[in-house]
Amino acid sequence: MNPQDLLRYVDSLHREKNIDPSLLFSAIEAALATAARRHYGEEADIVVRIDHDSGKIHAEIDGAPLDQDQVGRIGAQTAKQVIIQKVREAERDALMAEYREQIGQMVSGVIQRADGGVATVQLGNVEAILPRSEQISGESLHANERVRAVVFEVRATGNRVRVVLSRTRPQLVKCLFEQEIPELSEGVIAINSISREPGYRSKVAVSSTDSQVDPIAVCVGYRGSRIKSVREELAGEHIDVVRYSDDPQILIPNALQPAEIEQVLLCNMIGRAIVLVQEDQLSLAIGRRGQNVRLASKLCGWDIEIMTGGELEEQIERAVTGFSQLEGMTEDLAQQLVEQGYLSYDDLSVIEPETLMQMGELTAEQVDVIVEQAETQAEEAEAAATEERKKRKQEREAAANAAASGEQPPAAEEQVAEGTESEESEDSAAEVSEETQQGDGAESPAAEEAGADGEAEASVEEVENVIVESEPIDESTEQDSDNKNVAVENINEEGEAEQLASDNVEDPDKA
């Protein structure tokens, strides 16, 4: 084996595969030693060394040196296969080390394939995968498109390296901010915390080392140009930039923006923050499906509960009353627990026994009894809540099935029934009024005509009001409406007949 050819071979692999030359020399030495053992026997003591500067091979067998010709005659094919295997392993290890250093960092690549929700991305010297679970909800990836993602996981599969990318991690937001905002790399401002729900909303807490620099304005940019670029890369995801503070009393209200906060009560023992808001700010603070308070909790590292002042007073009163009923619990201890943020049996069931012993000066046996009772009460409350949710779900399913089958909902049937009763009562009142008028004696033809017209108009209005109130929503209700319209026409005909009769009384010649 020509030493110069060996050096060129090692240098070429080092440049193309980014493999350390010392690893290559070690692999070649091991390959030559393996081939020599197959030639001279497995029990032979063979040592092979290669001079890294000159490329000369020094081999010994049982202490006796082998010259270059003997080394060259050793099974060349065997040595070649072993060298190739060792080189592949070295290449794999080099790639593993390279991409493990990049975990959490952003990389850019071209999508080769996007089949079955899994995208294959070419990252230069390795193919990475972007699973469906690590893609932003609602986005669509296509072949030959360039995509940016963070390295999430690196693992070896045989002689290959499998790199897993992600576009759902908070690190991607941070990397995009660093790319768009040079002040971050300069150290003028810093990102202190990020919470994210991919595809929907992210919250970023930033601070500034320079009192004259507004970190929020720097991140947003002129007319929102910087934040707009980040949003476009994240498929239109909303991003809230808030001012960071070491004081939770300041950070929590900032994280819950745009809601206006009245007061923040910190329960350090259990890491809970009770936030009081006005009634009109409650839904804004909680957010759609609890999104705002969830992101704020992740951003601040506190378990945030949003409630009004009245709700807090009710919870405190209910908690003190419930805790006082436990065996071994005094009212003073119950009050202390509530002041520390323990507002339910579930909270009390996970309290540290040492903490409860210190607060109430109790023994370990007494604490065990209290905690056991709290666990039982918490399980019963959870079972009741589960049953209530199940009942509501069944009611919603029944209503949906009724709507799909075209049946009359109970509320509409009650309205129709009330309208019918009202109509019958009005008809009865009209009959009584008519009998009273006949008992009092005959009135003038003009009065009779006006009375008939008034009764007919009143009856028509009553029937129309019943029809409007019932609001037909299916075929059965429409049929009831048609019946009522027929009733209206009959009433009109009766009114015309009565009017004709009164005209005949007034003019006997026409009769």
Foldseek 3Di string as FASTA:
>chain_A
DQQVVVLVVLVVCCVPLVFDSVLLQVQLQVLLVVLVCVVVHVPWDKGWHADNPRSDIWMDTPNHTDDPVVSVPRPPVSSVVSSVVSSLQRSLVVVLVVVVVQALHKAKFFFADQPPQKTWTDRDPAIEIEHNVQAFPPDDDDGRDMAMFGFHDWDDDPSHIYTYTHDFDVSVLVNLLVVLQVCDVVQQKHWDFKFDDQPEEIETEMEGPDPVDDVVDRSCDDVSPNVVVSCVSRVNYYYHYFYDDPDCFPLLCRLQPPADWDGWQAQVQVQAIETAHDPVRQDSSCDDVSPSQVNSCRGSVGHYDYDHPVVLVVLLVVQLVVLCPAPPDHSVLSNVCVSSPPRALVSLLPHDLVVSCVSVVDDSVSSVSSNVVSVVVVVVVVVVVVVVVVVVVVVVVVVVVCVVVQHDDPVLVVLLVVLVVVLVVVVVVVVVVVVVQVVVHDDALVVQLVVLVVVLVVSLVSLVVSLVRSPDDGDVNVVVNVVSVVVNVVSVVVSVVSNVVSVCVVPVVVD
